Amino acid sequence: YAGSALAQEKTFRLLTWADYAPADIVAQF
């Protein structure tokens, strides 16, 4: 459970438009 919670804490779920999250920008973030 702790591992699952930690993984969730480090996951960022983004709902956005096409082209607003280019692969290189996501990788840098």
PDB file of all heavy atoms in Angstrom:
ATOM      1  N   TYR A   1       0.830  -1.200   0.000  1.00  0.00           N
ATOM      2  CA  TYR A   1       0.000   0.000   0.000  1.00  0.00           C
ATOM      3  C   TYR A   1       0.866   1.253   0.000  1.00  0.00           C
ATOM      4  O   TYR A   1       0.593   2.229  -0.699  1.00  0.00           O
ATOM      5  CB  TYR A   1      -0.926   0.010   1.214  1.00  0.00           C
ATOM      6  CG  TYR A   1      -2.155  -0.852   1.060  1.00  0.00           C
ATOM      7  CD1 TYR A   1      -2.494  -1.798   2.011  1.00  0.00           C
ATOM      8  CD2 TYR A   1      -2.984  -0.717  -0.055  1.00  0.00           C
ATOM      9  CE1 TYR A   1      -3.620  -2.596   1.872  1.00  0.00           C
ATOM     10  CE2 TYR A   1      -4.120  -1.509  -0.210  1.00  0.00           C
ATOM     11  CZ  TYR A   1      -4.429  -2.445   0.759  1.00  0.00           C
ATOM     12  OH  TYR A   1      -5.545  -3.226   0.613  1.00  0.00           O
ATOM     13  N   ALA A   2       1.918   1.244   0.794  1.00  0.00           N
ATOM     14  CA  ALA A   2       2.802   2.402   0.878  1.00  0.00           C
ATOM     15  C   ALA A   2       3.470   2.663  -0.461  1.00  0.00           C
ATOM     16  O   ALA A   2       3.589   3.802  -0.916  1.00  0.00           O
ATOM     17  CB  ALA A   2       3.854   2.176   1.962  1.00  0.00           C
ATOM     18  N   GLY A   3       3.913   1.546  -1.102  1.00  0.00           N
ATOM     19  CA  GLY A   3       4.537   1.693  -2.412  1.00  0.00           C
ATOM     20  C   GLY A   3       3.573   2.234  -3.433  1.00  0.00           C
ATOM     21  O   GLY A   3       3.923   3.079  -4.258  1.00  0.00           O
ATOM     22  N   SER A   4       2.340   1.755  -3.377  1.00  0.00           N
ATOM     23  CA  SER A   4       1.322   2.228  -4.304  1.00  0.00           C
ATOM     24  C   SER A   4       1.031   3.707  -4.096  1.00  0.00           C
ATOM     25  O   SER A   4       0.906   4.478  -5.042  1.00  0.00           O
ATOM     26  CB  SER A   4       0.035   1.416  -4.112  1.00  0.00           C
ATOM     27  OG  SER A   4      -0.998   1.922  -4.932  1.00  0.00           O
ATOM     28  N   ALA A   5       0.933   4.122  -2.840  1.00  0.00           N
ATOM     29  CA  ALA A   5       0.670   5.526  -2.519  1.00  0.00           C
ATOM     30  C   ALA A   5       1.817   6.407  -2.986  1.00  0.00           C
ATOM     31  O   ALA A   5       1.618   7.506  -3.505  1.00  0.00           O
ATOM     32  CB  ALA A   5       0.456   5.688  -1.012  1.00  0.00           C
ATOM     33  N   LEU A   6       3.063   5.911  -2.818  1.00  0.00           N
ATOM     34  CA  LEU A   6       4.230   6.676  -3.230  1.00  0.00           C
ATOM     35  C   LEU A   6       4.255   6.844  -4.742  1.00  0.00           C
ATOM     36  O   LEU A   6       4.537   7.928  -5.269  1.00  0.00           O
ATOM     37  CB  LEU A   6       5.508   5.985  -2.753  1.00  0.00           C
ATOM     38  CG  LEU A   6       6.832   6.721  -3.058  1.00  0.00           C
ATOM     39  CD1 LEU A   6       6.824   8.094  -2.392  1.00  0.00           C
ATOM     40  CD2 LEU A   6       8.019   5.895  -2.589  1.00  0.00           C
ATOM     41  N   ALA A   7       3.932   5.743  -5.452  1.00  0.00           N
ATOM     42  CA  ALA A   7       3.901   5.804  -6.914  1.00  0.00           C
ATOM     43  C   ALA A   7       2.851   6.791  -7.389  1.00  0.00           C
ATOM     44  O   ALA A   7       3.066   7.555  -8.335  1.00  0.00           O
ATOM     45  CB  ALA A   7       3.615   4.415  -7.477  1.00  0.00           C
ATOM     46  N   GLN A   8       1.695   6.773  -6.711  1.00  0.00           N
ATOM     47  CA  GLN A   8       0.622   7.692  -7.070  1.00  0.00           C
ATOM     48  C   GLN A   8       1.042   9.139  -6.833  1.00  0.00           C
ATOM     49  O   GLN A   8       0.740  10.028  -7.617  1.00  0.00           O
ATOM     50  CB  GLN A   8      -0.625   7.358  -6.247  1.00  0.00           C
ATOM     51  CG  GLN A   8      -1.868   8.095  -6.708  1.00  0.00           C
ATOM     52  CD  GLN A   8      -3.099   7.615  -5.983  1.00  0.00           C
ATOM     53  OE1 GLN A   8      -3.182   7.701  -4.763  1.00  0.00           O
ATOM     54  NE2 GLN A   8      -4.056   7.086  -6.720  1.00  0.00           N
ATOM     55  N   GLU A   9       1.781   9.358  -5.746  1.00  0.00           N
ATOM     56  CA  GLU A   9       2.236  10.695  -5.401  1.00  0.00           C
ATOM     57  C   GLU A   9       3.195  11.244  -6.453  1.00  0.00           C
ATOM     58  O   GLU A   9       3.277  12.445  -6.673  1.00  0.00           O
ATOM     59  CB  GLU A   9       2.920  10.667  -4.032  1.00  0.00           C
ATOM     60  CG  GLU A   9       3.339  12.032  -3.523  1.00  0.00           C
ATOM     61  CD  GLU A   9       4.015  11.941  -2.166  1.00  0.00           C
ATOM     62  OE1 GLU A   9       3.609  11.091  -1.365  1.00  0.00           O
ATOM     63  OE2 GLU A   9       4.949  12.712  -1.931  1.00  0.00           O
ATOM     64  N   LYS A  10       3.937  10.365  -7.113  1.00  0.00           N
ATOM     65  CA  LYS A  10       4.902  10.796  -8.121  1.00  0.00           C
ATOM     66  C   LYS A  10       4.335  10.735  -9.540  1.00  0.00           C
ATOM     67  O   LYS A  10       5.048  10.947 -10.508  1.00  0.00           O
ATOM     68  CB  LYS A  10       6.172   9.937  -8.038  1.00  0.00           C
ATOM     69  CG  LYS A  10       6.905  10.045  -6.712  1.00  0.00           C
ATOM     70  CD  LYS A  10       7.217  11.502  -6.328  1.00  0.00           C
ATOM     71  CE  LYS A  10       8.228  12.143  -7.257  1.00  0.00           C
ATOM     72  NZ  LYS A  10       8.544  13.541  -6.809  1.00  0.00           N
ATOM     73  N   THR A  11       3.056  10.431  -9.654  1.00  0.00           N
ATOM     74  CA  THR A  11       2.388  10.411 -10.963  1.00  0.00           C
ATOM     75  C   THR A  11       1.563  11.679 -11.138  1.00  0.00           C
ATOM     76  O   THR A  11       0.870  12.106 -10.221  1.00  0.00           O
ATOM     77  CB  THR A  11       1.473   9.172 -11.087  1.00  0.00           C
ATOM     78  OG1 THR A  11       2.266   7.986 -10.975  1.00  0.00           O
ATOM     79  CG2 THR A  11       0.757   9.170 -12.427  1.00  0.00           C
ATOM     80  N   PHE A  12       1.671  12.261 -12.302  1.00  0.00           N
ATOM     81  CA  PHE A  12       0.923  13.472 -12.627  1.00  0.00           C
ATOM     82  C   PHE A  12       0.024  13.174 -13.819  1.00  0.00           C
ATOM     83  O   PHE A  12       0.485  12.879 -14.919  1.00  0.00           O
ATOM     84  CB  PHE A  12       1.886  14.610 -12.952  1.00  0.00           C
ATOM     85  CG  PHE A  12       1.236  15.841 -13.526  1.00  0.00           C
ATOM     86  CD1 PHE A  12       0.176  16.458 -12.870  1.00  0.00           C
ATOM     87  CD2 PHE A  12       1.684  16.394 -14.729  1.00  0.00           C
ATOM     88  CE1 PHE A  12      -0.432  17.587 -13.392  1.00  0.00           C
ATOM     89  CE2 PHE A  12       1.092  17.525 -15.258  1.00  0.00           C
ATOM     90  CZ  PHE A  12       0.033  18.122 -14.591  1.00  0.00           C
ATOM     91  N   ARG A  13      -1.305  13.240 -13.615  1.00  0.00           N
ATOM     92  CA  ARG A  13      -2.284  12.884 -14.631  1.00  0.00           C
ATOM     93  C   ARG A  13      -2.854  14.154 -15.258  1.00  0.00           C
ATOM     94  O   ARG A  13      -3.569  14.899 -14.619  1.00  0.00           O
ATOM     95  CB  ARG A  13      -3.385  12.027 -14.009  1.00  0.00           C
ATOM     96  CG  ARG A  13      -2.868  10.739 -13.349  1.00  0.00           C
ATOM     97  CD  ARG A  13      -3.891  10.122 -12.428  1.00  0.00           C
ATOM     98  NE  ARG A  13      -4.280  11.046 -11.370  1.00  0.00           N
ATOM     99  CZ  ARG A  13      -5.316  10.855 -10.556  1.00  0.00           C
ATOM    100  NH1 ARG A  13      -6.069   9.784 -10.690  1.00  0.00           N
ATOM    101  NH2 ARG A  13      -5.604  11.743  -9.622  1.00  0.00           N
ATOM    102  N   LEU A  14      -2.496  14.353 -16.531  1.00  0.00           N
ATOM    103  CA  LEU A  14      -2.826  15.590 -17.231  1.00  0.00           C
ATOM    104  C   LEU A  14      -3.867  15.342 -18.320  1.00  0.00           C
ATOM    105  O   LEU A  14      -3.696  14.479 -19.171  1.00  0.00           O
ATOM    106  CB  LEU A  14      -1.551  16.166 -17.864  1.00  0.00           C
ATOM    107  CG  LEU A  14      -1.703  17.413 -18.743  1.00  0.00           C
ATOM    108  CD1 LEU A  14      -2.249  18.597 -17.936  1.00  0.00           C
ATOM    109  CD2 LEU A  14      -0.363  17.773 -19.381  1.00  0.00           C
ATOM    110  N   LEU A  15      -4.943  16.130 -18.277  1.00  0.00           N
ATOM    111  CA  LEU A  15      -6.019  16.085 -19.276  1.00  0.00           C
ATOM    112  C   LEU A  15      -5.923  17.372 -20.085  1.00  0.00           C
ATOM    113  O   LEU A  15      -6.242  18.456 -19.589  1.00  0.00           O
ATOM    114  CB  LEU A  15      -7.374  15.981 -18.569  1.00  0.00           C
ATOM    115  CG  LEU A  15      -8.634  15.877 -19.434  1.00  0.00           C
ATOM    116  CD1 LEU A  15      -8.631  14.599 -20.265  1.00  0.00           C
ATOM    117  CD2 LEU A  15      -9.887  15.930 -18.548  1.00  0.00           C
ATOM    118  N   THR A  16      -5.486  17.265 -21.346  1.00  0.00           N
ATOM    119  CA  THR A  16      -5.169  18.478 -22.098  1.00  0.00           C
ATOM    120  C   THR A  16      -5.451  18.301 -23.578  1.00  0.00           C
ATOM    121  O   THR A  16      -5.914  17.258 -24.029  1.00  0.00           O
ATOM    122  CB  THR A  16      -3.702  18.879 -21.871  1.00  0.00           C
ATOM    123  OG1 THR A  16      -3.459  20.175 -22.426  1.00  0.00           O
ATOM    124  CG2 THR A  16      -2.746  17.873 -22.501  1.00  0.00           C
ATOM    125  N   TRP A  17      -5.166  19.346 -24.333  1.00  0.00           N
ATOM    126  CA  TRP A  17      -5.379  19.358 -25.777  1.00  0.00           C
ATOM    127  C   TRP A  17      -4.158  18.783 -26.500  1.00  0.00           C
ATOM    128  O   TRP A  17      -3.048  18.817 -25.984  1.00  0.00           O
ATOM    129  CB  TRP A  17      -5.600  20.792 -26.264  1.00  0.00           C
ATOM    130  CG  TRP A  17      -6.791  21.465 -25.678  1.00  0.00           C
ATOM    131  CD1 TRP A  17      -6.901  22.002 -24.420  1.00  0.00           C
ATOM    132  CD2 TRP A  17      -8.050  21.708 -26.311  1.00  0.00           C
ATOM    133  NE1 TRP A  17      -8.149  22.556 -24.238  1.00  0.00           N
ATOM    134  CE2 TRP A  17      -8.878  22.390 -25.392  1.00  0.00           C
ATOM    135  CE3 TRP A  17      -8.558  21.419 -27.574  1.00  0.00           C
ATOM    136  CZ2 TRP A  17     -10.174  22.781 -25.686  1.00  0.00           C
ATOM    137  CZ3 TRP A  17      -9.851  21.810 -27.884  1.00  0.00           C
ATOM    138  CH2 TRP A  17     -10.646  22.487 -26.947  1.00  0.00           C
ATOM    139  N   ALA A  18      -4.365  18.323 -27.721  1.00  0.00           N
ATOM    140  CA  ALA A  18      -3.252  17.904 -28.567  1.00  0.00           C
ATOM    141  C   ALA A  18      -2.304  19.090 -28.753  1.00  0.00           C
ATOM    142  O   ALA A  18      -2.748  20.239 -28.877  1.00  0.00           O
ATOM    143  CB  ALA A  18      -3.768  17.420 -29.921  1.00  0.00           C
ATOM    144  N   ASP A  19      -1.017  18.831 -28.732  1.00  0.00           N
ATOM    145  CA  ASP A  19       0.054  19.807 -28.968  1.00  0.00           C
ATOM    146  C   ASP A  19       0.393  20.662 -27.748  1.00  0.00           C
ATOM    147  O   ASP A  19       1.314  21.477 -27.814  1.00  0.00           O
ATOM    148  CB  ASP A  19      -0.277  20.739 -30.151  1.00  0.00           C
ATOM    149  CG  ASP A  19      -0.546  19.988 -31.434  1.00  0.00           C
ATOM    150  OD1 ASP A  19       0.140  18.982 -31.677  1.00  0.00           O
ATOM    151  OD2 ASP A  19      -1.453  20.389 -32.194  1.00  0.00           O
ATOM    152  N   TYR A  20      -0.341  20.504 -26.623  1.00  0.00           N
ATOM    153  CA  TYR A  20      -0.037  21.301 -25.438  1.00  0.00           C
ATOM    154  C   TYR A  20       0.995  20.624 -24.529  1.00  0.00           C
ATOM    155  O   TYR A  20       1.456  21.237 -23.561  1.00  0.00           O
ATOM    156  CB  TYR A  20      -1.303  21.577 -24.621  1.00  0.00           C
ATOM    157  CG  TYR A  20      -2.212  22.640 -25.210  1.00  0.00           C
ATOM    158  CD1 TYR A  20      -2.061  23.078 -26.518  1.00  0.00           C
ATOM    159  CD2 TYR A  20      -3.232  23.203 -24.462  1.00  0.00           C
ATOM    160  CE1 TYR A  20      -2.899  24.037 -27.061  1.00  0.00           C
ATOM    161  CE2 TYR A  20      -4.075  24.169 -24.988  1.00  0.00           C
ATOM    162  CZ  TYR A  20      -3.910  24.581 -26.289  1.00  0.00           C
ATOM    163  OH  TYR A  20      -4.745  25.533 -26.824  1.00  0.00           O
ATOM    164  N   ALA A  21       1.334  19.378 -24.831  1.00  0.00           N
ATOM    165  CA  ALA A  21       2.320  18.659 -24.022  1.00  0.00           C
ATOM    166  C   ALA A  21       3.266  17.901 -24.944  1.00  0.00           C
ATOM    167  O   ALA A  21       3.245  16.668 -25.003  1.00  0.00           O
ATOM    168  CB  ALA A  21       1.624  17.706 -23.056  1.00  0.00           C
ATOM    169  N   PRO A  22       4.129  18.623 -25.689  1.00  0.00           N
ATOM    170  CA  PRO A  22       5.071  17.971 -26.602  1.00  0.00           C
ATOM    171  C   PRO A  22       5.982  17.006 -25.844  1.00  0.00           C
ATOM    172  O   PRO A  22       6.299  17.233 -24.659  1.00  0.00           O
ATOM    173  CB  PRO A  22       5.877  19.137 -27.186  1.00  0.00           C
ATOM    174  CG  PRO A  22       5.072  20.362 -26.917  1.00  0.00           C
ATOM    175  CD  PRO A  22       4.289  20.088 -25.680  1.00  0.00           C
ATOM    176  N   ALA A  23       6.409  15.953 -26.521  1.00  0.00           N
ATOM    177  CA  ALA A  23       7.200  14.903 -25.867  1.00  0.00           C
ATOM    178  C   ALA A  23       8.459  15.442 -25.210  1.00  0.00           C
ATOM    179  O   ALA A  23       8.819  15.020 -24.098  1.00  0.00           O
ATOM    180  CB  ALA A  23       7.550  13.825 -26.893  1.00  0.00           C
ATOM    181  N   ASP A  24       9.156  16.394 -25.859  1.00  0.00           N
ATOM    182  CA  ASP A  24      10.400  16.901 -25.280  1.00  0.00           C
ATOM    183  C   ASP A  24      10.138  17.740 -24.025  1.00  0.00           C
ATOM    184  O   ASP A  24      10.938  17.725 -23.073  1.00  0.00           O
ATOM    185  CB  ASP A  24      11.194  17.717 -26.302  1.00  0.00           C
ATOM    186  CG  ASP A  24      10.418  18.900 -26.868  1.00  0.00           C
ATOM    187  OD1 ASP A  24       9.172  18.853 -26.900  1.00  0.00           O
ATOM    188  OD2 ASP A  24      11.056  19.880 -27.284  1.00  0.00           O
ATOM    189  N   ILE A  25       8.998  18.430 -24.000  1.00  0.00           N
ATOM    190  CA  ILE A  25       8.642  19.235 -22.820  1.00  0.00           C
ATOM    191  C   ILE A  25       8.253  18.321 -21.664  1.00  0.00           C
ATOM    192  O   ILE A  25       8.662  18.538 -20.509  1.00  0.00           O
ATOM    193  CB  ILE A  25       7.479  20.195 -23.156  1.00  0.00           C
ATOM    194  CG1 ILE A  25       7.908  21.197 -24.235  1.00  0.00           C
ATOM    195  CG2 ILE A  25       6.999  20.913 -21.903  1.00  0.00           C
ATOM    196  CD1 ILE A  25       9.076  22.083 -23.848  1.00  0.00           C
ATOM    197  N   VAL A  26       7.497  17.268 -21.956  1.00  0.00           N
ATOM    198  CA  VAL A  26       7.133  16.293 -20.926  1.00  0.00           C
ATOM    199  C   VAL A  26       8.385  15.647 -20.350  1.00  0.00           C
ATOM    200  O   VAL A  26       8.524  15.504 -19.126  1.00  0.00           O
ATOM    201  CB  VAL A  26       6.188  15.224 -21.502  1.00  0.00           C
ATOM    202  CG1 VAL A  26       6.002  14.081 -20.507  1.00  0.00           C
ATOM    203  CG2 VAL A  26       4.832  15.841 -21.852  1.00  0.00           C
ATOM    204  N   ALA A  27       9.309  15.264 -21.225  1.00  0.00           N
ATOM    205  CA  ALA A  27      10.549  14.616 -20.771  1.00  0.00           C
ATOM    206  C   ALA A  27      11.369  15.548 -19.876  1.00  0.00           C
ATOM    207  O   ALA A  27      11.920  15.116 -18.853  1.00  0.00           O
ATOM    208  CB  ALA A  27      11.374  14.169 -21.972  1.00  0.00           C
ATOM    209  N   GLN A  28      11.430  16.819 -20.237  1.00  0.00           N
ATOM    210  CA  GLN A  28      12.190  17.781 -19.430  1.00  0.00           C
ATOM    211  C   GLN A  28      11.540  17.968 -18.065  1.00  0.00           C
ATOM    212  O   GLN A  28      12.234  18.031 -17.040  1.00  0.00           O
ATOM    213  CB  GLN A  28      12.297  19.129 -20.156  1.00  0.00           C
ATOM    214  CG  GLN A  28      13.145  20.154 -19.395  1.00  0.00           C
ATOM    215  CD  GLN A  28      13.333  21.455 -20.160  1.00  0.00           C
ATOM    216  OE1 GLN A  28      13.136  21.495 -21.390  1.00  0.00           O
ATOM    217  NE2 GLN A  28      13.710  22.512 -19.473  1.00  0.00           N
ATOM    218  N   PHE A  29      10.200  18.059 -18.048  1.00  0.00           N
ATOM    219  CA  PHE A  29       9.490  18.207 -16.777  1.00  0.00           C
ATOM    220  C   PHE A  29       9.723  16.991 -15.882  1.00  0.00           C
ATOM    221  O   PHE A  29       9.979  17.128 -14.682  1.00  0.00           O
ATOM    222  CB  PHE A  29       7.997  18.401 -17.025  1.00  0.00           C
ATOM    223  CG  PHE A  29       7.158  18.441 -15.777  1.00  0.00           C
ATOM    224  CD1 PHE A  29       7.165  19.547 -14.948  1.00  0.00           C
ATOM    225  CD2 PHE A  29       6.359  17.352 -15.420  1.00  0.00           C
ATOM    226  CE1 PHE A  29       6.401  19.593 -13.791  1.00  0.00           C
ATOM    227  CE2 PHE A  29       5.591  17.386 -14.275  1.00  0.00           C
ATOM    228  CZ  PHE A  29       5.612  18.505 -13.454  1.00  0.00           C
TER     229      PHE A  29
END
